[in-house]
Amino acid sequence: MAESEEIQGSAVHRTMGELVRFGIVGVAHNLLGYLVYLLITWLGTDPKVAVAILYPIGTAVSFFANRQWTFEDKGHVGQSMTRYISMHAFGYVLNIFIIYLGVDVLAFPHQLVQLFAMGFLAMLFFLISKLLIFNER
């Protein structure tokens, strides 16, 4: 019984560490990405085009940071990269839909809608990354 609790405690401790590291990577990546987003939309780029430009760059940077540092994944790089890209492709479509719904339909400011989308996708991406992408140790 004590061994089971110890294993369970170890898993919780590991997950909390991963969550903190994922948060650090995400905050750094998203803060820089959001500032660039604000700059290029301020320069006249359509918000959806801005996301289309920034998404692939952010995906590549966050893949390597999360694979190496956050989850310490030892699985096959190609397999985890394929799953990661698939997750981000889904996230990209969802991000565009959130912007469409929030800006074009509900008329909220695009800056706030994109900020909401980033937070929502970050939570979703942590769960998918932990459970489906970087779960090979």
Protein backbone atom coordinates (compact mmCIF):
# COMPACT_ATOMS: atom_id res chain seq x y z
CA MET A 1 0.00 0.00 0.00
CA ALA A 2 2.77 2.46 0.89
CA GLU A 3 4.63 1.60 -2.34
CA SER A 4 1.49 2.36 -4.39
CA GLU A 5 1.12 5.73 -2.65
CA GLU A 6 4.81 6.46 -3.24
CA ILE A 7 4.49 5.68 -6.97
CA GLN A 8 1.34 7.79 -7.16
CA GLY A 9 3.06 10.66 -5.35
CA SER A 10 6.03 10.39 -7.69
CA ALA A 11 3.73 10.58 -10.74
CA VAL A 12 1.98 13.65 -9.33
CA HIS A 13 5.34 15.28 -8.55
CA ARG A 14 6.59 14.54 -12.09
CA THR A 15 3.38 15.92 -13.64
CA MET A 16 3.61 19.11 -11.57
CA GLY A 17 7.20 19.60 -12.71
CA GLU A 18 6.14 19.06 -16.31
CA LEU A 19 3.29 21.52 -15.90
CA VAL A 20 5.65 24.18 -14.50
CA ARG A 21 8.20 23.63 -17.30
CA PHE A 22 5.42 23.58 -19.92
CA GLY A 23 4.19 26.86 -18.45
CA ILE A 24 7.63 28.45 -18.62
CA VAL A 25 8.11 27.37 -22.24
CA GLY A 26 4.57 28.44 -23.09
CA VAL A 27 4.74 31.83 -21.38
CA ALA A 28 8.07 32.69 -23.00
CA HIS A 29 6.91 31.44 -26.40
CA ASN A 30 3.46 33.02 -26.22
CA LEU A 31 4.60 36.34 -24.77
CA LEU A 32 7.09 36.80 -27.57
CA GLY A 33 4.59 35.48 -30.12
CA TYR A 34 1.84 37.77 -28.83
CA LEU A 35 4.11 40.82 -28.97
CA VAL A 36 5.08 39.98 -32.55
CA TYR A 37 1.38 39.37 -33.32
CA LEU A 38 0.49 42.82 -31.96
CA LEU A 39 3.31 44.42 -33.93
CA ILE A 40 2.46 42.86 -37.27
CA THR A 41 -1.29 43.47 -36.87
CA TRP A 42 -0.50 47.07 -35.88
CA LEU A 43 1.49 47.31 -39.13
CA GLY A 44 -1.65 46.30 -41.00
CA THR A 45 -1.53 42.52 -41.25
CA ASP A 46 -4.89 40.78 -40.97
CA PRO A 47 -5.15 38.87 -37.63
CA LYS A 48 -5.74 35.54 -39.38
CA VAL A 49 -2.71 36.07 -41.63
CA ALA A 50 -0.63 37.01 -38.58
CA VAL A 51 -1.54 33.74 -36.89
CA ALA A 52 -0.77 31.84 -40.11
CA ILE A 53 2.72 33.37 -40.16
CA LEU A 54 3.50 32.86 -36.48
CA TYR A 55 2.02 29.40 -35.94
CA PRO A 56 4.64 27.28 -37.76
CA ILE A 57 7.52 29.14 -36.16
CA GLY A 58 6.07 28.76 -32.68
CA THR A 59 5.28 25.09 -33.28
CA ALA A 60 8.88 24.25 -34.17
CA VAL A 61 10.39 26.14 -31.24
CA SER A 62 7.96 24.75 -28.68
CA PHE A 63 8.30 21.17 -29.99
CA PHE A 64 12.01 21.00 -29.25
CA ALA A 65 11.75 22.85 -25.93
CA ASN A 66 8.90 20.66 -24.70
CA ARG A 67 10.37 17.42 -26.01
CA GLN A 68 13.80 17.97 -24.45
CA TRP A 69 13.11 19.97 -21.32
CA THR A 70 9.45 19.73 -20.34
CA PHE A 71 8.71 16.04 -20.89
CA GLU A 72 12.25 14.64 -21.34
CA ASP A 73 10.87 12.44 -24.11
CA LYS A 74 13.13 9.60 -25.23
CA GLY A 75 10.79 8.27 -27.92
CA HIS A 76 11.32 8.42 -31.65
CA VAL A 77 11.64 12.07 -32.74
CA GLY A 78 9.75 11.55 -35.99
CA GLN A 79 6.75 9.97 -34.28
CA SER A 80 6.46 12.60 -31.59
CA MET A 81 7.03 15.39 -34.13
CA THR A 82 4.27 14.02 -36.37
CA ARG A 83 1.86 13.89 -33.45
CA TYR A 84 2.94 17.36 -32.30
CA ILE A 85 2.44 18.87 -35.74
CA SER A 86 -0.97 17.20 -35.95
CA MET A 87 -1.92 18.68 -32.58
CA HIS A 88 -0.82 22.13 -33.72
CA ALA A 89 -2.62 21.78 -37.06
CA PHE A 90 -5.79 21.06 -35.11
CA GLY A 91 -4.94 23.97 -32.78
CA TYR A 92 -4.38 26.27 -35.74
CA VAL A 93 -7.84 25.51 -37.15
CA LEU A 94 -9.36 25.93 -33.70
CA ASN A 95 -7.46 29.23 -33.23
CA ILE A 96 -8.76 30.59 -36.54
CA PHE A 97 -12.30 29.49 -35.61
CA ILE A 98 -12.01 31.24 -32.22
CA ILE A 99 -10.85 34.44 -33.95
CA TYR A 100 -13.66 34.17 -36.49
CA LEU A 101 -16.27 33.59 -33.81
CA GLY A 102 -14.92 36.16 -31.36
CA VAL A 103 -14.04 38.94 -33.83
CA ASP A 104 -16.20 38.47 -36.92
CA VAL A 105 -19.35 37.15 -35.25
CA LEU A 106 -19.31 38.54 -31.69
CA ALA A 107 -17.29 41.73 -32.48
CA PHE A 108 -14.83 41.44 -29.57
CA PRO A 109 -11.41 43.10 -30.00
CA HIS A 110 -9.05 40.72 -31.79
CA GLN A 111 -6.34 41.33 -29.19
CA LEU A 112 -8.51 39.91 -26.40
CA VAL A 113 -9.85 37.07 -28.52
CA GLN A 114 -6.34 35.94 -29.43
CA LEU A 115 -5.26 36.18 -25.79
CA PHE A 116 -8.19 33.93 -24.79
CA ALA A 117 -7.39 31.49 -27.62
CA MET A 118 -3.77 31.23 -26.48
CA GLY A 119 -4.75 30.40 -22.90
CA PHE A 120 -7.37 27.86 -23.92
CA LEU A 121 -5.06 26.16 -26.40
CA ALA A 122 -2.22 26.07 -23.85
CA MET A 123 -4.34 24.04 -21.42
CA LEU A 124 -5.53 21.73 -24.16
CA PHE A 125 -2.01 21.27 -25.54
CA PHE A 126 -0.57 20.33 -22.14
CA LEU A 127 -3.07 17.52 -21.75
CA ILE A 128 -2.59 16.24 -25.30
CA SER A 129 1.20 16.52 -25.03
CA LYS A 130 1.35 14.65 -21.75
CA LEU A 131 -1.11 11.93 -22.65
CA LEU A 132 -0.59 11.37 -26.37
CA ILE A 133 2.63 12.90 -27.66
CA PHE A 134 5.47 12.78 -25.12
CA ASN A 135 4.42 9.76 -23.09
CA GLU A 136 7.35 7.52 -24.06
CA ARG A 137 10.15 7.64 -21.49
